Amino acid sequence: MKIIVIGAGVVGTTTAWYLTGEGHEVEVLERREAAGLETSFANGGQISPCHTDPWASPTVLPKILRWLGREDAPLLMRWQRWDPELWAWGLRFLANCTHRRAAINTERALRLAMFSRQCLRDLREETGIAYDQRIAGILHIYRDGREFSHACVTAGLMLDHGLERLVKNPAECVGIEPALATVAPALAGGIFTPGDESGDAHRFTQALADLATARGARFRWNVAVQGLVRDGDRIGGLVTENGTVQADAYVLATGCVSPALVQPLGLYLPIIPAKGYSLTVPVDNHLGAPIVSITDDEHKIVYSRLGERLRVAGTAEMTGFDLVLTPSRVDAIKARAQEMFPDGGDYSRAEPWTGLRPTTPDGVPLIGATPFRNLWLNTGHGTLGWTMACGSGRLLADLITGRHPGIDPAGLGMDRL
């Protein structure tokens, strides 16, 4: 079967890899000049099933109120913008801010994330792919005692679903990552997930695109899909500036632009862009950069060592498709990093970046079939695209091929909408 995958980010590229492995003729259309140049380019670098508890939860509402008016807030929602899609998304977000919904959404996201982590390990063993990976776990640190206590409860729930999370006191946190010694007196504790990983999503995506090409996939660069042609209950083709292209099936892996592509077909996808920031800091001869990937709960910032670089990433800003780097938010991330790891690298040469994460109101991606028999979704992964990419690609390839999937896909598709 000929299948066109739209989008060559980490999700689209892994989808192409697994579909090609099933013997399909795969063509990937990417509007940029290479793979992994947008949301996958400079993210936080974490493979983190430990972070599958959704933004939408009862505990986040008081925080959002405290953050109102703060330009350096970890989560910034510009509700003053008259944007019907943002407000509709916001209402769905609020509807998911209950204990019951948060538990359901955590289980769904965790199920996929743990499957994906194993798929990545299998792929790495099969291909030898290298991407500055570190198999050293993720340590989540807390300064606030109440937040730490709540996190310990959530860790217990994740343990019930098979994810090993270990509660640590401040001294044990420093034992895991000695670079935390500077901030240790302020810590309430930490939670260590030894099975989690980190690595460079951009390098992974480009390397996997090469591997997929070697086994038959075709990547076409600088090809922007402008629309989908409806043919009854099927898609008859894709409109590009070079004409219409056709296949037997189509996969939408286009992140934040997915809703606009399917809206003319009468499909509504509740995905909005969440603007995230990162800094890539040269480590050089500095000795204070962490080796273990760290998540700072108070400031919602993650740290990942990528070879001789330290990736610092965080914040989410609901401000449409704006990709302008806001100086105050870049400065805030840099200040937090310097406070956390004073000798972590040459901060004067830090490279700032911003990208748009395709975010659903329940924190769960949209993977699977649509009302159109040959149109499939693999989108809406939010901050967990790198974490969930391999599992999402494997799952969708199974569903398209008609194989029994490696995990139960219930609750991951658009039928839940």
Protein backbone atom coordinates (compact mmCIF):
# COMPACT_ATOMS: atom_id res chain seq x y z
CA MET A 1 0.00 0.00 0.00
CA LYS A 2 1.26 3.48 -0.82
CA ILE A 3 1.07 5.77 2.20
CA ILE A 4 1.89 9.47 2.38
CA VAL A 5 3.00 10.81 5.76
CA ILE A 6 2.61 14.58 6.09
CA GLY A 7 5.33 16.00 8.32
CA ALA A 8 8.92 14.92 9.03
CA GLY A 9 9.24 15.85 12.67
CA VAL A 10 10.13 13.14 15.15
CA VAL A 11 6.57 11.76 15.09
CA GLY A 12 6.21 11.72 11.30
CA THR A 13 9.67 10.24 10.79
CA THR A 14 9.15 7.42 13.28
CA THR A 15 5.80 6.71 11.61
CA ALA A 16 7.54 6.46 8.23
CA TRP A 17 10.18 4.14 9.71
CA TYR A 18 7.67 1.67 11.11
CA LEU A 19 5.38 1.77 8.06
CA THR A 20 8.33 1.07 5.78
CA GLY A 21 9.27 -1.85 8.01
CA GLU A 22 5.80 -3.30 7.36
CA GLY A 23 6.50 -3.32 3.63
CA HIS A 24 4.47 -0.26 2.66
CA GLU A 25 5.56 2.21 0.00
CA VAL A 26 6.05 5.35 2.08
CA GLU A 27 6.45 8.94 0.95
CA VAL A 28 6.97 11.76 3.45
CA LEU A 29 6.07 15.33 2.53
CA GLU A 30 7.84 17.99 4.60
CA ARG A 31 7.47 21.74 4.14
CA ARG A 32 10.98 22.41 5.50
CA GLU A 33 14.32 21.54 3.89
CA ALA A 34 15.14 18.62 6.22
CA ALA A 35 13.74 16.47 9.00
CA GLY A 36 13.23 17.64 12.56
CA LEU A 37 13.58 21.38 12.05
CA GLU A 38 10.55 22.62 13.96
CA THR A 39 9.19 21.35 17.30
CA SER A 40 11.72 18.50 17.31
CA PHE A 41 14.71 20.80 16.80
CA ALA A 42 15.75 21.93 20.30
CA ASN A 43 13.33 20.55 22.86
CA GLY A 44 14.14 19.54 26.43
CA GLY A 45 15.64 16.24 25.36
CA GLN A 46 13.85 14.03 27.87
CA ILE A 47 12.30 10.61 27.24
CA SER A 48 10.02 11.05 30.20
CA PRO A 49 7.06 8.78 31.00
CA CYS A 50 7.46 10.32 34.46
CA HIS A 51 5.99 13.55 33.07
CA THR A 52 2.73 12.13 31.78
CA ASP A 53 0.61 13.67 34.51
CA PRO A 54 -1.34 16.27 32.51
CA TRP A 55 -1.32 20.03 32.83
CA ALA A 56 -5.09 19.81 33.27
CA SER A 57 -5.49 18.88 36.93
CA PRO A 58 -7.06 20.35 40.07
CA THR A 59 -3.65 21.48 41.32
CA VAL A 60 -2.86 23.64 38.29
CA LEU A 61 -5.79 26.06 38.61
CA PRO A 62 -4.48 27.95 41.70
CA LYS A 63 -1.07 28.17 40.02
CA ILE A 64 -2.52 29.72 36.86
CA LEU A 65 -4.22 32.38 39.00
CA ARG A 66 -0.91 33.12 40.77
CA TRP A 67 0.88 33.38 37.45
CA LEU A 68 -1.56 35.87 35.90
CA GLY A 69 0.24 39.00 34.76
CA ARG A 70 3.71 37.49 35.13
CA GLU A 71 5.69 37.56 31.89
CA ASP A 72 8.07 34.93 33.30
CA ALA A 73 5.27 32.58 34.41
CA PRO A 74 5.91 28.89 33.60
CA LEU A 75 2.47 28.68 31.95
CA LEU A 76 1.30 31.88 30.30
CA MET A 77 -2.17 32.03 28.74
CA ARG A 78 -2.96 35.28 26.98
CA TRP A 79 -6.70 35.12 27.41
CA GLN A 80 -7.07 38.75 26.42
CA ARG A 81 -6.55 37.67 22.82
CA TRP A 82 -9.88 37.24 21.06
CA ASP A 83 -9.22 33.79 19.70
CA PRO A 84 -12.29 31.50 19.58
CA GLU A 85 -10.09 28.39 19.24
CA LEU A 86 -8.10 29.32 22.34
CA TRP A 87 -11.26 29.92 24.38
CA ALA A 88 -12.88 26.68 23.17
CA TRP A 89 -9.67 24.82 24.03
CA GLY A 90 -9.62 26.54 27.43
CA LEU A 91 -13.13 25.33 28.27
CA ARG A 92 -12.13 21.77 27.41
CA PHE A 93 -8.99 22.21 29.51
CA LEU A 94 -11.07 23.29 32.51
CA ALA A 95 -13.40 20.32 32.03
CA ASN A 96 -10.38 18.05 32.41
CA CYS A 97 -9.23 19.70 35.66
CA THR A 98 -10.88 17.14 37.92
CA HIS A 99 -9.31 14.31 39.88
CA ARG A 100 -11.21 11.73 37.85
CA ARG A 101 -10.27 13.15 34.45
CA ALA A 102 -6.66 13.69 35.47
CA ALA A 103 -6.38 10.03 36.54
CA ILE A 104 -7.86 8.82 33.24
CA ASN A 105 -5.63 11.08 31.16
CA THR A 106 -2.51 10.13 33.12
CA GLU A 107 -3.15 6.43 32.53
CA ARG A 108 -3.66 6.96 28.80
CA ALA A 109 -0.54 9.06 28.34
CA LEU A 110 1.56 6.80 30.59
CA ARG A 111 0.46 3.68 28.72
CA LEU A 112 1.70 5.16 25.45
CA ALA A 113 4.86 6.69 26.91
CA MET A 114 6.07 3.47 28.52
CA PHE A 115 5.38 1.53 25.33
CA SER A 116 7.27 4.19 23.38
CA ARG A 117 10.28 4.03 25.69
CA GLN A 118 10.54 0.31 25.03
CA CYS A 119 10.11 0.82 21.28
CA LEU A 120 13.00 3.30 21.34
CA ARG A 121 15.20 0.79 23.16
CA ASP A 122 14.31 -1.89 20.60
CA LEU A 123 15.01 0.48 17.71
CA ARG A 124 18.35 1.48 19.21
CA GLU A 125 19.34 -2.15 19.61
CA GLU A 126 18.23 -2.98 16.06
CA THR A 127 19.94 -0.06 14.30
CA GLY A 128 22.69 1.25 16.59
CA ILE A 129 21.29 4.76 16.11
CA ALA A 130 23.18 7.44 18.09
CA TYR A 131 21.79 10.78 19.26
CA ASP A 132 23.75 11.83 22.38
CA GLN A 133 21.56 9.50 24.41
CA ARG A 134 21.98 9.02 28.14
CA ILE A 135 20.42 6.07 29.89
CA ALA A 136 20.72 7.57 33.37
CA GLY A 137 17.14 8.28 34.45
CA ILE A 138 15.40 11.56 35.25
CA LEU A 139 15.44 13.23 38.66
CA HIS A 140 12.49 15.49 39.47
CA ILE A 141 13.32 17.93 42.29
CA TYR A 142 10.96 19.91 44.54
CA ARG A 143 11.44 22.91 46.82
CA ASP A 144 7.87 23.19 48.08
CA GLY A 145 6.90 20.58 50.66
CA ARG A 146 3.24 20.44 49.65
CA GLU A 147 4.11 20.01 45.97
CA PHE A 148 6.53 17.26 46.92
CA SER A 149 3.88 15.46 48.98
CA HIS A 150 1.40 15.66 46.10
CA ALA A 151 4.06 14.39 43.69
CA CYS A 152 4.73 11.40 45.95
CA VAL A 153 1.05 10.45 45.68
CA THR A 154 1.19 10.76 41.88
CA ALA A 155 4.38 8.67 41.85
CA GLY A 156 2.48 5.96 43.70
CA LEU A 157 -0.28 6.01 41.08
CA MET A 158 2.30 5.69 38.29
CA LEU A 159 3.93 2.81 40.14
CA ASP A 160 0.56 1.07 40.10
CA HIS A 161 0.71 1.31 36.29
CA GLY A 162 4.24 -0.12 36.15
CA LEU A 163 6.48 2.97 36.14
CA GLU A 164 9.25 2.80 38.75
CA ARG A 165 9.54 6.12 40.60
CA LEU A 166 11.70 6.37 43.70
CA VAL A 167 11.19 9.02 46.40
CA LYS A 168 14.49 10.61 47.50
CA ASN A 169 15.53 13.00 50.26
CA PRO A 170 17.77 16.01 49.41
CA ALA A 171 21.00 14.18 50.28
CA GLU A 172 20.01 11.27 48.04
CA CYS A 173 19.24 13.73 45.21
CA VAL A 174 22.80 15.07 45.44
CA GLY A 175 24.08 11.50 45.49
CA ILE A 176 22.32 10.88 42.17
CA GLU A 177 23.47 14.20 40.66
CA PRO A 178 26.34 15.92 42.52
CA ALA A 179 25.86 19.12 40.49
CA LEU A 180 22.77 19.79 42.64
CA ALA A 181 24.91 20.52 45.70
CA THR A 182 24.42 24.29 45.27
CA VAL A 183 20.63 24.11 45.62
CA ALA A 184 20.42 21.11 47.97
CA PRO A 185 19.68 23.19 51.12
CA ALA A 186 16.50 24.51 49.47
CA LEU A 187 15.16 21.10 48.39
CA ALA A 188 12.23 19.33 49.98
CA GLY A 189 13.07 16.14 48.10
CA GLY A 190 13.03 14.49 44.73
CA ILE A 191 11.58 11.62 42.73
CA PHE A 192 13.93 9.57 40.58
CA THR A 193 12.76 7.57 37.57
CA PRO A 194 15.70 5.29 36.76
CA GLY A 195 14.23 3.89 33.55
CA ASP A 196 13.77 7.24 31.82
CA GLU A 197 16.29 8.63 29.34
CA SER A 198 17.44 11.72 27.49
CA GLY A 199 18.87 12.51 24.07
CA ASP A 200 18.87 14.91 21.14
CA ALA A 201 15.54 14.60 19.31
CA HIS A 202 16.83 16.53 16.29
CA ARG A 203 19.82 14.25 15.78
CA PHE A 204 17.63 11.21 16.28
CA THR A 205 15.08 12.41 13.72
CA GLN A 206 17.66 13.15 11.05
CA ALA A 207 19.46 9.86 11.63
CA LEU A 208 16.20 7.88 11.51
CA ALA A 209 15.16 9.67 8.30
CA ASP A 210 18.40 8.42 6.73
CA LEU A 211 17.73 4.89 7.99
CA ALA A 212 14.16 4.99 6.70
CA THR A 213 15.41 6.20 3.31
CA ALA A 214 17.90 3.34 3.18
CA ARG A 215 15.07 0.83 3.53
CA GLY A 216 12.82 2.43 0.96
CA ALA A 217 11.04 5.51 2.30
CA ARG A 218 11.10 8.62 0.13
CA PHE A 219 11.36 12.05 1.76
CA ARG A 220 10.37 15.08 -0.29
CA TRP A 221 11.59 18.37 1.17
CA ASN A 222 10.14 21.87 0.69
CA VAL A 223 6.71 20.46 -0.14
CA ALA A 224 3.91 22.19 1.75
CA VAL A 225 0.51 20.49 1.81
CA GLN A 226 -2.14 23.16 1.26
CA GLY A 227 -5.26 21.04 1.54
CA LEU A 228 -6.87 17.61 1.42
CA VAL A 229 -9.20 16.59 -1.41
CA ARG A 230 -12.39 14.92 -0.22
CA ASP A 231 -13.79 12.01 -2.21
CA GLY A 232 -16.88 10.78 -0.39
CA ASP A 233 -15.74 9.07 2.78
CA ARG A 234 -12.14 8.98 1.59
CA ILE A 235 -9.32 11.40 0.86
CA GLY A 236 -8.66 11.55 -2.86
CA GLY A 237 -5.38 13.42 -2.75
CA LEU A 238 -3.28 16.20 -1.27
CA VAL A 239 -3.01 19.65 -2.80
CA THR A 240 0.51 21.08 -2.96
CA GLU A 241 1.95 24.04 -4.84
CA ASN A 242 3.29 21.53 -7.37
CA GLY A 243 -0.07 19.88 -7.95
CA THR A 244 -2.10 17.08 -6.40
CA VAL A 245 -0.42 13.94 -5.09
CA GLN A 246 -2.25 10.70 -4.36
CA ALA A 247 -1.82 7.56 -2.30
CA ASP A 248 -3.87 4.75 -0.81
CA ALA A 249 -3.69 6.22 2.69
CA TYR A 250 -2.55 9.43 4.39
CA VAL A 251 -1.11 10.13 7.83
CA LEU A 252 -1.39 13.58 9.38
CA ALA A 253 1.70 14.18 11.55
CA THR A 254 1.74 17.95 11.22
CA GLY A 255 1.54 19.07 14.84
CA CYS A 256 0.00 22.48 15.36
CA VAL A 257 -1.16 22.95 11.77
CA SER A 258 -3.20 19.73 11.81
CA PRO A 259 -6.52 21.43 12.76
CA ALA A 260 -6.32 23.87 9.85
CA LEU A 261 -5.73 21.09 7.34
CA VAL A 262 -8.78 19.04 8.35
CA GLN A 263 -11.18 21.85 9.26
CA PRO A 264 -12.44 22.18 5.62
CA LEU A 265 -13.36 18.49 5.84
CA GLY A 266 -15.62 19.18 8.82
CA LEU A 267 -13.23 17.67 11.38
CA TYR A 268 -12.41 19.50 14.60
CA LEU A 269 -9.14 18.76 16.37
CA PRO A 270 -8.70 20.56 19.72
CA ILE A 271 -5.00 21.29 19.29
CA ILE A 272 -3.40 24.66 19.93
CA PRO A 273 0.25 25.71 19.85
CA ALA A 274 2.04 26.03 23.18
CA LYS A 275 5.17 28.07 22.67
CA GLY A 276 8.18 26.66 24.48
CA TYR A 277 11.69 28.01 24.94
CA SER A 278 15.11 26.43 25.26
CA LEU A 279 18.76 27.36 25.62
CA THR A 280 21.63 25.22 24.38
CA VAL A 281 24.68 25.95 26.52
CA PRO A 282 28.23 24.88 25.55
CA VAL A 283 29.69 22.96 28.48
CA ASP A 284 33.33 23.38 27.37
CA ASN A 285 35.59 22.81 30.40
CA HIS A 286 32.97 23.66 33.00
CA LEU A 287 32.66 20.98 35.67
CA GLY A 288 29.27 21.89 37.14
CA ALA A 289 26.95 20.66 34.39
CA PRO A 290 24.64 17.79 35.36
CA ILE A 291 24.97 14.34 33.86
CA VAL A 292 21.56 13.06 34.97
CA SER A 293 18.57 14.79 33.37
CA ILE A 294 16.84 17.09 35.88
CA THR A 295 13.35 18.54 36.12
CA ASP A 296 12.93 21.57 38.37
CA ASP A 297 9.29 21.46 39.46
CA GLU A 298 9.07 24.99 40.90
CA HIS A 299 10.18 26.68 37.69
CA LYS A 300 8.96 23.99 35.24
CA ILE A 301 12.39 23.79 33.62
CA VAL A 302 14.22 20.68 32.45
CA TYR A 303 17.96 20.13 32.04
CA SER A 304 19.47 17.49 29.75
CA ARG A 305 23.13 16.83 29.01
CA LEU A 306 23.59 16.28 25.28
CA GLY A 307 27.25 15.43 24.79
CA GLU A 308 29.18 18.64 25.41
CA ARG A 309 26.00 20.71 25.47
CA LEU A 310 23.52 21.44 28.24
CA ARG A 311 19.94 21.82 27.02
CA VAL A 312 17.76 23.98 29.28
CA ALA A 313 14.08 24.12 28.34
CA GLY A 314 10.79 25.16 29.79
CA THR A 315 7.73 27.39 29.97
CA ALA A 316 4.61 27.29 27.85
CA GLU A 317 3.02 30.34 26.29
CA MET A 318 -0.40 30.22 24.65
CA THR A 319 0.05 33.01 22.15
CA GLY A 320 -0.98 31.54 18.81
CA PHE A 321 1.64 30.88 16.15
CA ASP A 322 3.98 33.65 17.27
CA LEU A 323 7.62 32.45 17.15
CA VAL A 324 9.25 35.66 18.36
CA LEU A 325 11.74 35.07 21.16
CA THR A 326 10.50 37.14 24.11
CA PRO A 327 13.64 38.48 25.86
CA SER A 328 12.12 38.39 29.35
CA ARG A 329 11.31 34.69 29.05
CA VAL A 330 14.73 33.81 27.62
CA ASP A 331 16.40 35.80 30.40
CA ALA A 332 14.29 34.06 33.05
CA ILE A 333 15.34 30.61 31.84
CA LYS A 334 18.99 31.63 31.74
CA ALA A 335 18.81 33.12 35.24
CA ARG A 336 17.25 29.94 36.63
CA ALA A 337 19.91 27.81 34.95
CA GLN A 338 22.76 29.93 36.30
CA GLU A 339 21.24 29.78 39.78
CA MET A 340 20.83 26.02 39.55
CA PHE A 341 24.18 25.17 37.94
CA PRO A 342 26.52 28.17 38.29
CA ASP A 343 29.37 26.31 36.57
CA GLY A 344 27.14 24.48 34.12
CA GLY A 345 28.61 25.98 30.96
CA ASP A 346 29.38 29.16 29.06
CA TYR A 347 26.04 30.94 29.45
CA SER A 348 27.32 33.92 27.44
CA ARG A 349 27.22 31.67 24.35
CA ALA A 350 23.88 30.05 25.06
CA GLU A 351 21.76 29.65 21.91
CA PRO A 352 18.06 30.49 22.45
CA TRP A 353 15.27 28.75 20.55
CA THR A 354 11.52 28.64 20.56
CA GLY A 355 9.08 26.16 19.09
CA LEU A 356 5.39 25.33 19.07
CA ARG A 357 4.13 22.21 20.83
CA PRO A 358 0.82 20.79 19.54
CA THR A 359 -1.22 20.60 22.73
CA THR A 360 -4.55 18.93 23.44
CA PRO A 361 -6.67 20.03 26.44
CA ASP A 362 -6.43 16.60 28.11
CA GLY A 363 -2.70 16.10 27.50
CA VAL A 364 -3.24 12.97 25.38
CA PRO A 365 -2.31 12.85 21.68
CA LEU A 366 -4.65 11.93 18.83
CA ILE A 367 -3.57 8.66 17.20
CA GLY A 368 -5.60 6.46 14.91
CA ALA A 369 -8.46 6.49 12.45
CA THR A 370 -10.73 9.35 11.37
CA PRO A 371 -14.21 9.33 9.81
CA PHE A 372 -12.40 9.21 6.46
CA ARG A 373 -11.43 5.61 5.74
CA ASN A 374 -7.90 6.33 4.52
CA LEU A 375 -6.95 9.29 6.72
CA TRP A 376 -5.05 8.65 9.95
CA LEU A 377 -3.86 10.90 12.76
CA ASN A 378 -0.59 11.00 14.68
CA THR A 379 -0.56 14.44 16.23
CA GLY A 380 -1.20 16.50 19.37
CA HIS A 381 1.65 15.18 21.54
CA GLY A 382 2.30 18.48 23.34
CA THR A 383 5.50 18.44 25.38
CA LEU A 384 5.81 14.66 25.02
CA GLY A 385 6.42 14.28 21.29
CA TRP A 386 9.96 13.00 21.79
CA THR A 387 8.83 10.75 24.64
CA MET A 388 5.95 9.23 22.69
CA ALA A 389 7.28 9.28 19.13
CA CYS A 390 8.46 5.70 18.69
CA GLY A 391 5.43 4.21 20.39
CA SER A 392 3.08 6.42 18.38
CA GLY A 393 4.72 5.42 15.10
CA ARG A 394 4.70 1.73 16.00
CA LEU A 395 1.07 1.85 17.18
CA LEU A 396 -0.18 3.63 14.08
CA ALA A 397 1.74 1.30 11.75
CA ASP A 398 0.07 -1.66 13.49
CA LEU A 399 -3.39 -0.09 13.18
CA ILE A 400 -2.96 0.78 9.49
CA THR A 401 -1.52 -2.64 8.66
CA GLY A 402 -4.23 -4.46 10.62
CA ARG A 403 -1.84 -6.06 13.08
CA HIS A 404 -2.68 -6.56 16.73
CA PRO A 405 -1.16 -3.43 18.37
CA GLY A 406 1.47 -3.60 21.07
CA ILE A 407 -0.78 -1.69 23.47
CA ASP A 408 -4.49 -1.05 23.84
CA PRO A 409 -5.24 2.05 21.71
CA ALA A 410 -8.40 2.88 23.69
CA GLY A 411 -8.68 6.53 24.60
CA LEU A 412 -5.86 7.64 22.28
CA GLY A 413 -7.97 8.41 19.20
CA MET A 414 -10.36 11.16 18.22
CA ASP A 415 -13.33 9.00 19.18
CA ARG A 416 -12.86 10.28 22.75
CA LEU A 417 -13.81 13.76 21.52
